[in-house]
Protein backbone atom coordinates (compact mmCIF):
# COMPACT_ATOMS: atom_id res chain seq x y z
CA UNK A 1 0.00 0.00 0.00
CA UNK A 2 1.25 3.49 -0.76
CA UNK A 3 2.22 5.18 2.47
CA UNK A 4 1.46 8.87 2.13
CA UNK A 5 3.82 11.17 3.99
CA UNK A 6 6.66 8.71 4.48
CA UNK A 7 10.04 9.53 2.97
CA UNK A 8 12.14 7.08 0.96
CA UNK A 9 14.40 6.68 4.00
CA UNK A 10 11.49 5.83 6.28
CA UNK A 11 10.13 3.32 3.78
CA UNK A 12 13.56 1.74 3.41
CA UNK A 13 13.86 1.35 7.17
CA UNK A 14 10.54 -0.51 7.24
CA UNK A 15 11.03 -2.64 4.12
CA UNK A 16 14.31 -4.60 3.67
CA UNK A 17 13.39 -5.28 0.04
CA UNK A 18 13.38 -1.54 -0.65
CA UNK A 19 16.89 -1.41 0.79
CA UNK A 20 17.88 -4.17 -1.63
CA UNK A 21 16.34 -2.29 -4.55
CA UNK A 22 18.18 0.89 -3.57
CA UNK A 23 21.40 -1.11 -3.78
CA UNK A 24 20.30 -2.35 -7.20
CA UNK A 25 19.82 1.28 -8.19
CA UNK A 26 23.46 1.79 -7.21
CA UNK A 27 24.51 -1.07 -9.54
CA UNK A 28 25.01 -3.70 -6.85
CA UNK A 29 24.78 -6.96 -8.84
CA UNK A 30 24.59 -9.08 -5.68
CA UNK A 31 21.53 -7.17 -4.49
CA UNK A 32 19.76 -7.77 -7.80
CA UNK A 33 20.54 -11.49 -7.60
CA UNK A 34 19.10 -11.50 -4.06
CA UNK A 35 15.90 -9.80 -5.24
CA UNK A 36 15.48 -12.29 -8.07
CA UNK A 37 15.96 -15.18 -5.65
CA UNK A 38 13.42 -13.70 -3.23
CA UNK A 39 10.68 -13.03 -5.78
CA UNK A 40 11.26 -15.31 -8.76
CA UNK A 41 9.12 -18.22 -7.58
CA UNK A 42 6.30 -15.94 -6.43
CA UNK A 43 6.36 -13.93 -9.63
CA UNK A 44 6.53 -16.96 -11.92
CA UNK A 45 3.64 -18.56 -10.03
CA UNK A 46 1.44 -15.48 -10.33
CA UNK A 47 2.21 -15.02 -14.02
CA UNK A 48 1.60 -18.73 -14.67
CA UNK A 49 -1.77 -18.52 -12.94
CA UNK A 50 -2.71 -15.49 -15.01
CA UNK A 51 -1.66 -16.69 -18.45
CA UNK A 52 -2.20 -20.43 -17.90
CA UNK A 53 1.14 -21.58 -19.29
CA UNK A 54 4.23 -22.41 -17.23
CA UNK A 55 6.83 -21.54 -19.86
CA UNK A 56 5.12 -18.27 -20.77
CA UNK A 57 4.83 -17.46 -17.07
CA UNK A 58 8.58 -17.92 -16.66
CA UNK A 59 9.28 -15.75 -19.70
CA UNK A 60 7.01 -13.00 -18.42
CA UNK A 61 8.60 -13.11 -14.98
CA UNK A 62 12.01 -12.67 -16.60
CA UNK A 63 10.62 -9.72 -18.55
CA UNK A 64 9.44 -8.13 -15.28
CA UNK A 65 12.92 -8.50 -13.78
CA UNK A 66 14.46 -7.03 -16.94
CA UNK A 67 12.15 -4.01 -16.65
CA UNK A 68 13.11 -3.64 -12.99
CA UNK A 69 16.80 -3.62 -13.89
CA UNK A 70 16.45 -1.32 -16.89
CA UNK A 71 14.55 1.29 -14.86
CA UNK A 72 16.62 0.93 -11.68
CA UNK A 73 18.10 4.42 -11.93
CA UNK A 74 14.60 5.93 -11.83
CA UNK A 75 13.54 3.99 -8.75
CA UNK A 76 12.23 6.12 -5.89
CA UNK A 77 10.23 4.14 -3.30
CA UNK A 78 6.70 5.35 -2.71
CA UNK A 79 5.21 2.02 -1.59
CA UNK A 80 6.29 -1.44 -0.47
CA UNK A 81 8.72 -3.04 -2.92
CA UNK A 82 6.36 -5.97 -3.52
CA UNK A 83 3.58 -3.55 -4.47
CA UNK A 84 5.85 -1.80 -6.97
CA UNK A 85 7.06 -5.10 -8.42
CA UNK A 86 3.60 -6.55 -8.86
CA UNK A 87 2.40 -3.29 -10.40
CA UNK A 88 4.92 -3.90 -13.18
CA UNK A 89 3.76 -7.52 -13.41
CA UNK A 90 0.11 -6.44 -13.51
CA UNK A 91 0.70 -4.01 -16.37
CA UNK A 92 2.53 -6.67 -18.36
CA UNK A 93 -0.10 -9.34 -17.67
CA UNK A 94 -2.96 -6.98 -18.60
CA UNK A 95 -1.34 -6.29 -21.96
CA UNK A 96 -0.84 -10.00 -22.63
CA UNK A 97 -4.39 -10.94 -21.63
CA UNK A 98 -5.95 -8.15 -23.67
CA UNK A 99 -3.89 -9.04 -26.73
CA UNK A 100 -4.89 -12.66 -26.32
CA UNK A 101 -8.56 -11.73 -25.99
CA UNK A 102 -8.39 -9.70 -29.18
CA UNK A 103 -6.71 -12.48 -31.15
CA UNK A 104 -7.95 -15.79 -29.83
CA UNK A 105 -8.55 -17.74 -26.65
CA UNK A 106 -5.87 -20.19 -25.61
CA UNK A 107 -7.30 -23.05 -23.50
CA UNK A 108 -5.55 -23.42 -20.18
CA UNK A 109 -3.98 -26.79 -19.38
CA UNK A 110 -5.71 -28.12 -16.28
CA UNK A 111 -3.73 -31.36 -16.16
CA UNK A 112 -0.20 -30.31 -15.28
CA UNK A 113 1.00 -27.65 -12.89
CA UNK A 114 4.67 -28.40 -13.51
CA UNK A 115 7.23 -27.41 -10.87
CA UNK A 116 5.37 -24.28 -9.78
CA UNK A 117 3.27 -25.75 -7.01
CA UNK A 118 -0.53 -26.03 -6.79
CA UNK A 119 -2.68 -24.96 -9.71
CA UNK A 120 -5.02 -22.06 -8.89
CA UNK A 121 -8.03 -24.34 -8.83
CA UNK A 122 -6.34 -26.72 -6.42
CA UNK A 123 -5.39 -23.81 -4.19
CA UNK A 124 -8.94 -22.50 -4.15
CA UNK A 125 -10.49 -25.84 -3.18
CA UNK A 126 -7.77 -26.54 -0.56
CA UNK A 127 -7.02 -30.10 -1.67
CA UNK A 128 -6.08 -31.99 1.48
CA UNK A 129 -7.49 -35.35 0.47
CA UNK A 130 -5.39 -38.38 1.27
CA UNK A 131 -7.19 -41.28 -0.39
CA UNK A 132 -6.94 -41.91 -4.16
CA UNK A 133 -10.70 -41.56 -4.76
CA UNK A 134 -10.74 -38.34 -2.75
CA UNK A 135 -7.85 -36.97 -4.78
CA UNK A 136 -9.71 -37.80 -7.98
CA UNK A 137 -12.78 -35.91 -6.74
CA UNK A 138 -10.68 -32.89 -5.84
CA UNK A 139 -8.84 -33.02 -9.17
CA UNK A 140 -12.19 -33.03 -10.93
CA UNK A 141 -13.33 -30.03 -8.92
CA UNK A 142 -9.98 -28.33 -9.59
CA UNK A 143 -10.63 -28.66 -13.30
CA UNK A 144 -14.11 -27.22 -12.93
CA UNK A 145 -12.82 -24.28 -10.89
CA UNK A 146 -10.07 -23.69 -13.46
CA UNK A 147 -12.68 -23.40 -16.18
CA UNK A 148 -14.68 -21.06 -13.94
CA UNK A 149 -11.63 -18.83 -13.49
CA UNK A 150 -11.36 -18.56 -17.26
CA UNK A 151 -14.82 -16.97 -17.34
CA UNK A 152 -13.53 -13.95 -15.36
CA UNK A 153 -12.40 -10.89 -17.25
CA UNK A 154 -8.72 -9.99 -16.98
CA UNK A 155 -9.15 -7.46 -14.16
CA UNK A 156 -11.21 -9.85 -12.06
CA UNK A 157 -8.73 -12.67 -12.63
CA UNK A 158 -5.75 -10.52 -11.66
CA UNK A 159 -7.51 -9.33 -8.50
CA UNK A 160 -8.41 -12.90 -7.50
CA UNK A 161 -4.87 -14.16 -8.14
CA UNK A 162 -3.27 -11.34 -6.12
CA UNK A 163 -5.74 -11.89 -3.30
CA UNK A 164 -5.47 -15.67 -3.19
CA UNK A 165 -1.84 -16.31 -4.09
CA UNK A 166 -0.05 -13.18 -2.91
CA UNK A 167 -2.43 -12.76 0.04
CA UNK A 168 -2.74 -9.07 -0.79
CA UNK A 169 -5.34 -7.02 1.00
CA UNK A 170 -7.73 -4.66 -0.78
CA UNK A 171 -5.46 -1.65 -0.33
CA UNK A 172 -2.39 -3.36 -1.80
CA UNK A 173 -4.41 -4.70 -4.75
CA UNK A 174 -5.77 -1.19 -5.28
CA UNK A 175 -2.22 0.18 -5.49
CA UNK A 176 -1.09 -2.54 -7.90
CA UNK A 177 -4.10 -2.15 -10.18
CA UNK A 178 -4.40 1.62 -9.97
CA UNK A 179 -7.89 1.50 -8.47
CA UNK A 180 -9.58 2.67 -5.31
CA UNK A 181 -10.01 0.26 -2.42
CA UNK A 182 -13.77 0.49 -2.86
CA UNK A 183 -13.44 -0.45 -6.54
CA UNK A 184 -11.30 -3.48 -5.64
CA UNK A 185 -13.89 -4.67 -3.12
CA UNK A 186 -16.55 -4.38 -5.80
CA UNK A 187 -14.34 -6.13 -8.36
CA UNK A 188 -13.62 -9.06 -6.07
CA UNK A 189 -17.27 -9.28 -5.06
CA UNK A 190 -18.31 -9.59 -8.70
CA UNK A 191 -15.54 -12.11 -9.34
CA UNK A 192 -16.67 -14.28 -6.42
CA UNK A 193 -20.27 -14.11 -7.58
CA UNK A 194 -19.22 -15.09 -11.10
CA UNK A 195 -17.25 -18.03 -9.70
CA UNK A 196 -20.23 -19.10 -7.57
CA UNK A 197 -22.51 -19.00 -10.59
CA UNK A 198 -20.03 -20.90 -12.74
CA UNK A 199 -19.61 -23.56 -10.06
CA UNK A 200 -23.27 -23.77 -9.01
CA UNK A 201 -24.15 -26.71 -11.23
CA UNK A 202 -21.16 -28.74 -10.10
CA UNK A 203 -21.77 -27.97 -6.42
CA UNK A 204 -25.42 -29.01 -6.73
CA UNK A 205 -24.36 -32.21 -8.47
CA UNK A 206 -21.82 -32.96 -5.73
CA UNK A 207 -24.43 -32.30 -3.05
CA UNK A 208 -26.84 -34.72 -4.69
CA UNK A 209 -24.10 -37.34 -5.02
CA UNK A 210 -23.27 -37.03 -1.33
CA UNK A 211 -26.94 -37.40 -0.39
CA UNK A 212 -27.26 -40.47 -2.61
CA UNK A 213 -24.23 -42.09 -1.03
CA UNK A 214 -25.75 -41.65 2.44
CA UNK A 215 -28.91 -43.40 1.30
CA UNK A 216 -27.02 -46.47 0.10
């Protein structure tokens, strides 16, 4: 969140990542390597979730880091470093998603999450099942949720991903997306309602299946 009234020095004292970035601004190669190590996995994961492709997510994350390095001399902290970084990522992702929407829709692969950890759908349904048949049920639901996420427009999807996978609050998402906190609340509310509507048929079907199994 942007912290009105705080100087760069005060922000740097509160945020060690800002101190790293200030060293990057002074051409400290070690500091840049440290920043990449700190944020690469998080950034790749977010970009992967947004664009639906692991390799493209990695490429986009590298592009974000390149932009950070190229503009290092102009860096003057006005918010948390993570907010600034994900603002760059958001702008890049928005351009990619809008270009894709104009050209064609690329189906997201719901079968393989690769080395990047849980797929968004799996994260949302909190898959903690231990038995094989339970895992199959959760994988099925993960696929359904993944399809539901695809029904969101790009702004809704970005807001959901930042909220769920970066654990950003409304204010931080507002800073990243250049919106008011009230607008973010409204955006996430609409996104959740869209997800509920998209999942309604599956949830009803699951509820009926559970009731039938009790009757057996």
